[in-house]
Amino acid sequence: MTKKLEANGLWESSRFLIPEHIAVLNKGKREDLRIKKPELDEQELALISTAFHTSLLRSAVVNIRVFTEFEIRKVAGIVTRIQRDSVRLEKSADEYEWLIITDVVGAELAEEIWD
């Protein structure tokens, strides 16, 4: 009996798992992969706002870091519209994406713009 309780013996010895057990195991694995959203200070928020407005006014490419539950993904494009809680980012001539502003954790212009 003690062999079953060593290491992973309990799971190895039971070859039958009901779907509810599998669901709980998978949920636990997903929960372990979640990341915490970084807290932004006022300076970082100002940099994001400046990058958005510069991209909107001058059609400059901006690199944006967007928080999701499991990763921080990077997208690039031109800001074509800013609404109350979202930003429209054109990735190419026929592809765009709406981003929720509160999910944005960083933004910077891809190239320097000279007047």
N, C-alpha and C. Protein backbone atom coordinates (compact mmCIF):
# COMPACT_ATOMS: atom_id res chain seq x y z
N MET A 1 0.81 -1.19 0.00
CA MET A 1 0.00 0.00 0.00
C MET A 1 0.86 1.26 0.00
N THR A 2 2.00 1.19 0.64
CA THR A 2 2.84 2.39 0.73
C THR A 2 3.42 2.75 -0.63
N LYS A 3 3.58 1.80 -1.52
CA LYS A 3 4.11 2.09 -2.86
C LYS A 3 3.17 3.02 -3.63
N LYS A 4 1.88 2.89 -3.42
CA LYS A 4 0.93 3.73 -4.13
C LYS A 4 1.04 5.19 -3.71
N LEU A 5 1.45 5.45 -2.50
CA LEU A 5 1.50 6.81 -2.00
C LEU A 5 2.83 7.49 -2.26
N GLU A 6 3.81 6.80 -2.80
CA GLU A 6 5.11 7.39 -3.09
C GLU A 6 5.09 8.07 -4.45
N ALA A 7 5.78 9.20 -4.55
CA ALA A 7 5.93 9.96 -5.80
C ALA A 7 4.57 10.18 -6.45
N ASN A 8 4.39 9.63 -7.64
CA ASN A 8 3.13 9.80 -8.36
C ASN A 8 2.38 8.47 -8.40
N GLY A 9 2.63 7.62 -7.46
CA GLY A 9 2.06 6.29 -7.46
C GLY A 9 0.56 6.26 -7.37
N LEU A 10 -0.02 7.21 -6.66
CA LEU A 10 -1.47 7.23 -6.52
C LEU A 10 -2.13 7.42 -7.88
N TRP A 11 -1.62 8.32 -8.70
CA TRP A 11 -2.20 8.56 -10.02
C TRP A 11 -1.84 7.45 -10.99
N GLU A 12 -0.63 6.93 -10.85
CA GLU A 12 -0.19 5.86 -11.74
C GLU A 12 -0.99 4.58 -11.50
N SER A 13 -1.37 4.37 -10.24
CA SER A 13 -2.07 3.12 -9.94
C SER A 13 -3.54 3.18 -10.34
N SER A 14 -4.09 4.38 -10.46
CA SER A 14 -5.50 4.45 -10.88
C SER A 14 -5.53 4.84 -12.35
N ARG A 15 -5.83 3.90 -13.17
CA ARG A 15 -5.83 4.12 -14.62
C ARG A 15 -7.14 4.73 -15.10
N PHE A 16 -8.09 4.83 -14.23
CA PHE A 16 -9.39 5.33 -14.62
C PHE A 16 -9.63 6.69 -13.98
N LEU A 17 -9.77 7.72 -14.81
CA LEU A 17 -10.09 9.05 -14.31
C LEU A 17 -11.42 9.47 -14.93
N ILE A 18 -12.32 9.89 -14.10
CA ILE A 18 -13.60 10.34 -14.65
C ILE A 18 -13.41 11.76 -15.22
N PRO A 19 -14.27 12.17 -16.12
CA PRO A 19 -14.12 13.48 -16.76
C PRO A 19 -14.03 14.65 -15.78
N GLU A 20 -14.69 14.56 -14.66
CA GLU A 20 -14.64 15.63 -13.68
C GLU A 20 -13.23 15.77 -13.10
N HIS A 21 -12.57 14.64 -12.87
CA HIS A 21 -11.19 14.68 -12.37
C HIS A 21 -10.26 15.30 -13.40
N ILE A 22 -10.44 14.94 -14.66
CA ILE A 22 -9.61 15.48 -15.73
C ILE A 22 -9.82 16.99 -15.84
N ALA A 23 -11.06 17.43 -15.72
CA ALA A 23 -11.36 18.86 -15.80
C ALA A 23 -10.67 19.63 -14.67
N VAL A 24 -10.69 19.08 -13.46
CA VAL A 24 -10.05 19.74 -12.32
C VAL A 24 -8.54 19.79 -12.53
N LEU A 25 -7.95 18.72 -13.02
CA LEU A 25 -6.51 18.71 -13.27
C LEU A 25 -6.13 19.74 -14.34
N ASN A 26 -6.89 19.80 -15.41
CA ASN A 26 -6.60 20.76 -16.48
C ASN A 26 -6.78 22.20 -16.01
N LYS A 27 -7.79 22.44 -15.19
CA LYS A 27 -8.02 23.79 -14.66
C LYS A 27 -6.84 24.21 -13.79
N GLY A 28 -6.34 23.29 -12.99
CA GLY A 28 -5.18 23.59 -12.15
C GLY A 28 -3.95 23.93 -12.97
N LYS A 29 -3.75 23.22 -14.07
CA LYS A 29 -2.62 23.51 -14.96
C LYS A 29 -2.76 24.88 -15.58
N ARG A 30 -3.98 25.23 -16.03
CA ARG A 30 -4.21 26.55 -16.64
C ARG A 30 -3.99 27.66 -15.62
N GLU A 31 -4.45 27.45 -14.40
CA GLU A 31 -4.28 28.47 -13.36
C GLU A 31 -2.80 28.73 -13.08
N ASP A 32 -1.98 27.68 -13.17
CA ASP A 32 -0.55 27.85 -12.94
C ASP A 32 0.11 28.70 -14.02
N LEU A 33 -0.46 28.71 -15.22
CA LEU A 33 0.13 29.44 -16.33
C LEU A 33 -0.27 30.92 -16.37
N ARG A 34 -1.26 31.31 -15.58
CA ARG A 34 -1.71 32.70 -15.59
C ARG A 34 -0.61 33.63 -15.08
N ILE A 35 -0.58 34.83 -15.65
CA ILE A 35 0.37 35.83 -15.18
C ILE A 35 -0.40 37.00 -14.59
N LYS A 36 0.28 37.78 -13.78
CA LYS A 36 -0.34 38.93 -13.14
C LYS A 36 -0.11 40.17 -14.01
N LYS A 37 -1.14 40.99 -14.13
CA LYS A 37 -1.03 42.21 -14.93
C LYS A 37 -0.11 43.20 -14.24
N PRO A 38 0.87 43.74 -14.98
CA PRO A 38 1.77 44.73 -14.37
C PRO A 38 1.02 46.02 -14.04
N GLU A 39 1.40 46.64 -12.95
CA GLU A 39 0.82 47.93 -12.57
C GLU A 39 1.61 49.03 -13.26
N LEU A 40 0.92 49.96 -13.90
CA LEU A 40 1.57 51.04 -14.63
C LEU A 40 1.56 52.32 -13.81
N ASP A 41 2.68 53.02 -13.82
CA ASP A 41 2.73 54.30 -13.13
C ASP A 41 2.30 55.42 -14.08
N GLU A 42 2.21 56.63 -13.57
CA GLU A 42 1.73 57.77 -14.35
C GLU A 42 2.63 58.05 -15.55
N GLN A 43 3.93 57.87 -15.39
CA GLN A 43 4.87 58.14 -16.48
C GLN A 43 4.65 57.16 -17.63
N GLU A 44 4.47 55.89 -17.32
CA GLU A 44 4.24 54.89 -18.37
C GLU A 44 2.90 55.15 -19.08
N LEU A 45 1.88 55.53 -18.33
CA LEU A 45 0.59 55.87 -18.94
C LEU A 45 0.73 57.06 -19.88
N ALA A 46 1.53 58.04 -19.49
CA ALA A 46 1.75 59.21 -20.34
C ALA A 46 2.50 58.83 -21.62
N LEU A 47 3.46 57.93 -21.52
CA LEU A 47 4.19 57.47 -22.70
C LEU A 47 3.28 56.71 -23.67
N ILE A 48 2.39 55.89 -23.13
CA ILE A 48 1.44 55.16 -23.96
C ILE A 48 0.51 56.14 -24.67
N SER A 49 -0.01 57.11 -23.93
CA SER A 49 -0.91 58.10 -24.51
C SER A 49 -0.22 58.91 -25.61
N THR A 50 1.02 59.31 -25.37
CA THR A 50 1.78 60.07 -26.36
C THR A 50 2.01 59.24 -27.62
N ALA A 51 2.37 57.99 -27.45
CA ALA A 51 2.60 57.11 -28.60
C ALA A 51 1.33 56.93 -29.42
N PHE A 52 0.20 56.74 -28.74
CA PHE A 52 -1.09 56.59 -29.45
C PHE A 52 -1.43 57.84 -30.24
N HIS A 53 -1.33 59.00 -29.62
CA HIS A 53 -1.71 60.24 -30.29
C HIS A 53 -0.75 60.59 -31.42
N THR A 54 0.53 60.34 -31.24
CA THR A 54 1.49 60.59 -32.32
C THR A 54 1.22 59.68 -33.50
N SER A 55 0.92 58.43 -33.23
CA SER A 55 0.59 57.49 -34.30
C SER A 55 -0.68 57.92 -35.03
N LEU A 56 -1.66 58.39 -34.28
CA LEU A 56 -2.93 58.82 -34.87
C LEU A 56 -2.73 60.06 -35.76
N LEU A 57 -1.98 61.02 -35.27
CA LEU A 57 -1.82 62.28 -36.00
C LEU A 57 -0.86 62.18 -37.18
N ARG A 58 0.18 61.37 -37.05
CA ARG A 58 1.22 61.32 -38.08
C ARG A 58 1.29 60.00 -38.84
N SER A 59 0.37 59.11 -38.59
CA SER A 59 0.35 57.78 -39.23
C SER A 59 1.67 57.03 -39.03
N ALA A 60 2.17 57.12 -37.83
CA ALA A 60 3.43 56.45 -37.48
C ALA A 60 3.13 55.05 -36.92
N VAL A 61 4.01 54.13 -37.21
CA VAL A 61 3.87 52.77 -36.69
C VAL A 61 4.23 52.76 -35.20
N VAL A 62 3.39 52.10 -34.43
CA VAL A 62 3.61 52.00 -32.98
C VAL A 62 3.65 50.52 -32.59
N ASN A 63 4.58 50.18 -31.70
CA ASN A 63 4.67 48.82 -31.15
C ASN A 63 3.97 48.81 -29.80
N ILE A 64 3.00 47.91 -29.65
CA ILE A 64 2.18 47.88 -28.45
C ILE A 64 2.31 46.53 -27.77
N ARG A 65 2.43 46.55 -26.44
CA ARG A 65 2.43 45.33 -25.64
C ARG A 65 1.07 45.23 -24.95
N VAL A 66 0.37 44.11 -25.20
CA VAL A 66 -0.99 43.92 -24.70
C VAL A 66 -1.01 42.75 -23.72
N PHE A 67 -1.61 42.99 -22.56
CA PHE A 67 -1.73 41.96 -21.53
C PHE A 67 -2.89 41.02 -21.86
N THR A 68 -2.64 39.72 -21.80
CA THR A 68 -3.68 38.71 -21.82
C THR A 68 -3.49 37.86 -20.57
N GLU A 69 -4.39 36.93 -20.33
CA GLU A 69 -4.30 36.14 -19.10
C GLU A 69 -3.02 35.32 -19.00
N PHE A 70 -2.50 34.87 -20.13
CA PHE A 70 -1.39 33.93 -20.11
C PHE A 70 -0.10 34.48 -20.69
N GLU A 71 -0.13 35.68 -21.30
CA GLU A 71 1.09 36.23 -21.88
C GLU A 71 0.92 37.72 -22.14
N ILE A 72 2.02 38.36 -22.44
CA ILE A 72 1.99 39.74 -22.92
C ILE A 72 2.39 39.65 -24.39
N ARG A 73 1.42 39.91 -25.26
CA ARG A 73 1.70 39.79 -26.69
C ARG A 73 2.04 41.14 -27.28
N LYS A 74 2.77 41.10 -28.38
CA LYS A 74 3.21 42.32 -29.04
C LYS A 74 2.50 42.45 -30.38
N VAL A 75 1.99 43.65 -30.65
CA VAL A 75 1.35 43.95 -31.93
C VAL A 75 1.92 45.27 -32.42
N ALA A 76 1.94 45.42 -33.74
CA ALA A 76 2.44 46.66 -34.34
C ALA A 76 1.45 47.12 -35.39
N GLY A 77 1.33 48.42 -35.54
CA GLY A 77 0.45 48.98 -36.54
C GLY A 77 0.31 50.48 -36.35
N ILE A 78 -0.68 51.04 -37.03
CA ILE A 78 -0.94 52.48 -36.96
C ILE A 78 -2.29 52.69 -36.29
N VAL A 79 -2.30 53.57 -35.30
CA VAL A 79 -3.54 53.90 -34.61
C VAL A 79 -4.39 54.76 -35.55
N THR A 80 -5.60 54.31 -35.85
CA THR A 80 -6.48 55.05 -36.75
C THR A 80 -7.70 55.63 -36.04
N ARG A 81 -7.95 55.15 -34.82
CA ARG A 81 -9.10 55.67 -34.09
C ARG A 81 -8.91 55.41 -32.60
N ILE A 82 -9.27 56.41 -31.80
CA ILE A 82 -9.23 56.27 -30.34
C ILE A 82 -10.63 56.56 -29.83
N GLN A 83 -11.20 55.59 -29.13
CA GLN A 83 -12.50 55.80 -28.50
C GLN A 83 -12.32 55.83 -27.00
N ARG A 84 -13.40 55.87 -26.28
CA ARG A 84 -13.34 56.01 -24.83
C ARG A 84 -12.52 54.90 -24.17
N ASP A 85 -12.76 53.66 -24.55
CA ASP A 85 -12.08 52.54 -23.89
C ASP A 85 -11.33 51.62 -24.84
N SER A 86 -11.20 52.00 -26.10
CA SER A 86 -10.51 51.13 -27.05
C SER A 86 -9.79 51.93 -28.13
N VAL A 87 -8.88 51.24 -28.80
CA VAL A 87 -8.06 51.83 -29.85
C VAL A 87 -8.12 50.92 -31.07
N ARG A 88 -8.30 51.50 -32.24
CA ARG A 88 -8.28 50.71 -33.47
C ARG A 88 -6.87 50.78 -34.04
N LEU A 89 -6.27 49.62 -34.24
CA LEU A 89 -4.91 49.52 -34.74
C LEU A 89 -4.93 48.84 -36.10
N GLU A 90 -4.48 49.53 -37.13
CA GLU A 90 -4.39 48.94 -38.46
C GLU A 90 -3.05 48.24 -38.59
N LYS A 91 -3.11 46.94 -38.81
CA LYS A 91 -1.90 46.14 -38.98
C LYS A 91 -1.41 46.16 -40.42
N SER A 92 -2.35 46.19 -41.36
CA SER A 92 -2.04 46.27 -42.78
C SER A 92 -3.22 46.95 -43.47
N ALA A 93 -3.18 47.02 -44.79
CA ALA A 93 -4.24 47.72 -45.52
C ALA A 93 -5.62 47.10 -45.30
N ASP A 94 -5.68 45.79 -45.10
CA ASP A 94 -6.98 45.13 -44.95
C ASP A 94 -7.14 44.40 -43.62
N GLU A 95 -6.27 44.67 -42.67
CA GLU A 95 -6.35 43.98 -41.38
C GLU A 95 -6.22 44.99 -40.24
N TYR A 96 -7.18 44.94 -39.31
CA TYR A 96 -7.13 45.82 -38.15
C TYR A 96 -7.58 45.05 -36.92
N GLU A 97 -7.32 45.66 -35.76
CA GLU A 97 -7.68 45.03 -34.49
C GLU A 97 -8.07 46.12 -33.50
N TRP A 98 -9.13 45.88 -32.75
CA TRP A 98 -9.52 46.77 -31.66
C TRP A 98 -8.85 46.29 -30.39
N LEU A 99 -8.17 47.18 -29.69
CA LEU A 99 -7.50 46.86 -28.44
C LEU A 99 -8.18 47.62 -27.30
N ILE A 100 -8.38 46.95 -26.20
CA ILE A 100 -8.93 47.60 -25.01
C ILE A 100 -7.79 48.35 -24.32
N ILE A 101 -8.00 49.62 -24.07
CA ILE A 101 -6.92 50.48 -23.56
C ILE A 101 -6.39 49.98 -22.21
N THR A 102 -7.25 49.46 -21.36
CA THR A 102 -6.79 49.00 -20.03
C THR A 102 -5.93 47.74 -20.13
N ASP A 103 -5.95 47.05 -21.27
CA ASP A 103 -5.10 45.87 -21.45
C ASP A 103 -3.71 46.23 -21.97
N VAL A 104 -3.51 47.47 -22.41
CA VAL A 104 -2.22 47.90 -22.94
C VAL A 104 -1.26 48.15 -21.77
N VAL A 105 -0.09 47.52 -21.82
CA VAL A 105 0.90 47.69 -20.76
C VAL A 105 2.15 48.40 -21.25
N GLY A 106 2.20 48.72 -22.54
CA GLY A 106 3.34 49.45 -23.07
C GLY A 106 3.12 49.81 -24.53
N ALA A 107 3.69 50.96 -24.93
CA ALA A 107 3.60 51.38 -26.33
C ALA A 107 4.77 52.31 -26.63
N GLU A 108 5.33 52.13 -27.81
CA GLU A 108 6.43 53.01 -28.23
C GLU A 108 6.41 53.10 -29.76
N LEU A 109 6.84 54.24 -30.24
CA LEU A 109 6.89 54.44 -31.68
C LEU A 109 7.99 53.57 -32.27
N ALA A 110 7.74 53.02 -33.46
CA ALA A 110 8.70 52.13 -34.09
C ALA A 110 9.90 52.90 -34.61
N GLU A 111 9.69 54.13 -35.06
CA GLU A 111 10.77 54.94 -35.60
C GLU A 111 10.66 56.34 -35.04
N GLU A 112 11.78 57.03 -35.01
CA GLU A 112 11.75 58.43 -34.60
C GLU A 112 11.10 59.27 -35.69
N ILE A 113 10.32 60.24 -35.29
CA ILE A 113 9.65 61.13 -36.23
C ILE A 113 10.25 62.51 -36.07
N TRP A 114 10.70 63.07 -37.17
CA TRP A 114 11.29 64.41 -37.15
C TRP A 114 10.36 65.38 -37.84
N ASP A 115 10.20 66.54 -37.27
CA ASP A 115 9.34 67.56 -37.89
C ASP A 115 10.05 68.23 -39.04
